[in-house]
Amino acid sequence: MRSFVSGLLLASVVLVSACSGPKAPETPAAPAAFTIPLNPNTNGVLESRSARITLGKGPQAYSADVAMTPSWWVASDGFKIVWFSGMSQTKRYFQFSGETPGEAARPKLLKSPEEAVREVKVAFDGGPPVAVRPEATRAVFKPPPGAKAVTSVEIAFGPADAPGLYAWKSPSP
């Protein structure tokens, strides 16, 4: 009797699964939106971004992939992007790889990479970006009244005539 009940149960499971038909393909999840909530007294680190930086032309040109990992702070005086906190921390914010012709040839501009940040742009709540020329090793933004979040950060880094662009923002639809 038990084998008959087990067989009947197994047959009904097979029948139900056969009748259910093929599954519809799952839709991919939407990419995560980039936001930094403007909660007072909070901070964090942006994900590393990399750009190829080239100085000079021809066979003597210097070129390297430079990854940047800046910090952010929400403080009483505004939203800050920071890329330096002492010489011992420079390697935390800037990582060089693929240097051509090599590290020994690194130009003066990139020997102190914190000084090569040209411009920082930040957008609040999906609005247009606001540009700031850096104050030494940070950029400070005063959020508009009622702003809830930073929705994009862009940093221009490298030589003045051809800086690399580092961007943190939501993907375009």
Protein backbone atom coordinates (compact mmCIF):
# COMPACT_ATOMS: atom_id res chain seq x y z
CA MET A 1 0.00 0.00 0.00
CA ARG A 2 2.85 2.38 0.85
CA SER A 3 4.51 1.90 -2.54
CA PHE A 4 1.17 2.60 -4.27
CA VAL A 5 0.71 5.89 -2.32
CA SER A 6 4.34 6.86 -2.94
CA GLY A 7 3.95 6.10 -6.64
CA LEU A 8 0.72 8.08 -6.83
CA LEU A 9 2.33 11.03 -5.06
CA LEU A 10 5.37 10.92 -7.35
CA ALA A 11 3.15 10.73 -10.44
CA SER A 12 1.13 13.77 -9.32
CA VAL A 13 4.32 15.80 -8.72
CA VAL A 14 5.62 14.91 -12.20
CA LEU A 15 2.25 15.78 -13.75
CA VAL A 16 2.03 19.15 -11.99
CA SER A 17 5.58 20.11 -12.91
CA ALA A 18 5.03 19.06 -16.54
CA CYS A 19 1.87 21.17 -16.76
CA SER A 20 3.48 24.26 -15.32
CA GLY A 21 5.35 24.86 -18.58
CA PRO A 22 8.67 26.61 -19.06
CA LYS A 23 9.59 29.44 -16.74
CA ALA A 24 9.55 32.93 -18.14
CA PRO A 25 13.04 34.43 -18.25
CA GLU A 26 13.77 36.59 -15.26
CA THR A 27 14.32 40.27 -15.95
CA PRO A 28 17.74 41.45 -14.88
CA ALA A 29 17.89 43.62 -11.79
CA ALA A 30 18.25 47.32 -12.43
CA PRO A 31 21.73 48.67 -11.78
CA ALA A 32 22.13 50.17 -8.35
CA ALA A 33 21.64 53.92 -8.17
CA PHE A 34 24.55 55.97 -6.88
CA THR A 35 23.53 58.04 -3.87
CA ILE A 36 25.21 59.34 -0.77
CA PRO A 37 22.59 60.38 1.79
CA LEU A 38 23.29 63.78 3.34
CA ASN A 39 23.03 62.48 6.89
CA PRO A 40 24.99 64.76 9.27
CA ASN A 41 28.32 63.53 10.60
CA THR A 42 28.69 60.59 8.21
CA ASN A 43 31.60 59.61 5.99
CA GLY A 44 32.76 56.90 3.68
CA VAL A 45 35.02 55.96 0.79
CA LEU A 46 34.08 56.02 -2.88
CA GLU A 47 34.76 52.90 -4.94
CA SER A 48 38.06 52.96 -6.79
CA ARG A 49 37.96 54.36 -10.33
CA SER A 50 40.83 54.29 -12.82
CA ALA A 51 41.91 56.38 -15.81
CA ARG A 52 44.91 56.33 -18.13
CA ILE A 53 46.96 59.49 -17.60
CA THR A 54 49.51 60.54 -20.25
CA LEU A 55 52.00 63.40 -20.10
CA GLY A 56 54.13 64.28 -23.09
CA LYS A 57 54.20 62.96 -26.62
CA GLY A 58 56.24 60.48 -28.57
CA PRO A 59 58.66 57.88 -27.24
CA GLN A 60 59.51 59.99 -24.16
CA ALA A 61 55.86 60.27 -23.03
CA TYR A 62 54.93 59.05 -19.59
CA SER A 63 51.74 57.05 -19.20
CA ALA A 64 50.11 55.21 -16.28
CA ASP A 65 46.82 53.84 -15.06
CA VAL A 66 45.96 55.84 -11.97
CA ALA A 67 43.25 54.53 -9.66
CA MET A 68 41.65 57.03 -7.30
CA THR A 69 39.75 56.21 -4.10
CA PRO A 70 38.60 59.46 -2.45
CA SER A 71 36.78 59.81 0.86
CA TRP A 72 33.57 61.76 1.44
CA TRP A 73 32.27 63.55 4.53
CA VAL A 74 28.97 65.15 5.45
CA ALA A 75 29.74 67.83 8.04
CA SER A 76 28.15 70.99 9.39
CA ASP A 77 29.94 73.11 6.79
CA GLY A 78 28.84 70.97 3.81
CA PHE A 79 29.65 67.90 1.74
CA LYS A 80 33.38 67.25 1.27
CA ILE A 81 35.38 65.12 -1.12
CA VAL A 82 38.87 64.46 0.28
CA TRP A 83 41.86 62.84 -1.46
CA PHE A 84 44.70 63.42 0.98
CA SER A 85 45.30 63.03 4.72
CA GLY A 86 49.08 63.15 5.02
CA MET A 87 51.97 61.87 2.96
CA SER A 88 51.71 58.40 4.47
CA GLN A 89 48.14 58.11 3.12
CA THR A 90 48.83 59.14 -0.50
CA LYS A 91 48.99 55.50 -1.67
CA ARG A 92 45.57 54.88 -0.14
CA TYR A 93 44.00 57.52 -2.40
CA PHE A 94 46.12 57.04 -5.56
CA GLN A 95 47.43 53.75 -6.94
CA PHE A 96 49.69 53.72 -10.01
CA SER A 97 50.06 50.74 -12.34
CA GLY A 98 51.27 50.08 -15.87
CA GLU A 99 53.71 52.97 -15.77
CA THR A 100 55.56 53.54 -19.03
CA PRO A 101 58.52 53.98 -19.13
CA GLY A 102 58.50 53.27 -15.36
CA GLU A 103 58.10 54.78 -11.90
CA ALA A 104 61.50 56.50 -12.10
CA ALA A 105 60.17 58.56 -15.02
CA ARG A 106 57.04 59.72 -13.15
CA PRO A 107 56.65 63.46 -13.81
CA LYS A 108 56.76 65.99 -10.96
CA LEU A 109 53.03 66.62 -11.32
CA LEU A 110 52.27 63.00 -10.38
CA LYS A 111 54.91 62.62 -7.66
CA SER A 112 52.48 64.52 -5.42
CA PRO A 113 49.23 63.32 -7.03
CA GLU A 114 47.02 65.16 -4.52
CA GLU A 115 48.07 68.38 -6.30
CA ALA A 116 46.92 67.14 -9.72
CA VAL A 117 43.16 67.28 -8.98
CA ARG A 118 41.86 69.98 -11.34
CA GLU A 119 38.14 70.15 -10.68
CA VAL A 120 35.44 68.37 -8.68
CA LYS A 121 31.74 68.30 -9.62
CA VAL A 122 28.90 67.11 -7.42
CA ALA A 123 25.17 66.83 -8.19
CA PHE A 124 22.50 66.89 -5.49
CA ASP A 125 19.18 65.04 -5.88
CA GLY A 126 19.72 64.42 -9.62
CA GLY A 127 20.18 68.13 -10.39
CA PRO A 128 22.91 69.62 -12.56
CA PRO A 129 26.46 69.23 -11.24
CA VAL A 130 28.10 72.08 -9.33
CA ALA A 131 31.82 72.56 -10.03
CA VAL A 132 34.42 73.54 -7.45
CA ARG A 133 38.13 74.21 -7.85
CA PRO A 134 39.85 72.22 -5.12
CA GLU A 135 41.02 73.87 -1.90
CA ALA A 136 44.37 72.14 -1.45
CA THR A 137 43.35 68.48 -1.00
CA ARG A 138 39.59 68.71 -0.68
CA ALA A 139 36.51 70.15 -2.33
CA VAL A 140 33.70 71.49 -0.16
CA PHE A 141 30.12 71.85 -1.43
CA LYS A 142 27.22 73.62 0.25
CA PRO A 143 24.14 71.47 -0.46
CA PRO A 144 21.07 73.36 -1.65
CA PRO A 145 18.29 73.76 0.92
CA GLY A 146 16.26 70.57 1.26
CA ALA A 147 18.81 68.40 -0.57
CA LYS A 148 18.61 64.73 0.48
CA ALA A 149 21.53 63.08 -1.34
CA VAL A 150 24.55 63.42 -3.58
CA THR A 151 23.72 61.67 -6.85
CA SER A 152 27.00 62.06 -8.76
CA VAL A 153 30.65 62.92 -8.21
CA GLU A 154 33.15 63.72 -10.98
CA ILE A 155 36.84 64.47 -10.52
CA ALA A 156 39.20 65.78 -13.22
CA PHE A 157 42.76 64.64 -12.46
CA GLY A 158 46.08 64.93 -14.27
CA PRO A 159 47.64 67.39 -16.68
CA ALA A 160 45.69 70.60 -17.28
CA ASP A 161 45.53 70.04 -21.06
CA ALA A 162 44.24 66.45 -20.87
CA PRO A 163 43.00 65.42 -17.42
CA GLY A 164 41.47 62.02 -16.77
CA LEU A 165 37.84 61.96 -15.65
CA TYR A 166 36.77 59.85 -12.68
CA ALA A 167 33.00 59.51 -12.27
CA TRP A 168 30.70 58.03 -9.66
CA LYS A 169 27.06 58.20 -10.75
CA SER A 170 24.04 56.11 -11.58
CA PRO A 171 24.08 54.43 -15.00
CA SER A 172 22.17 56.20 -17.74
CA PRO A 173 18.84 54.56 -18.66
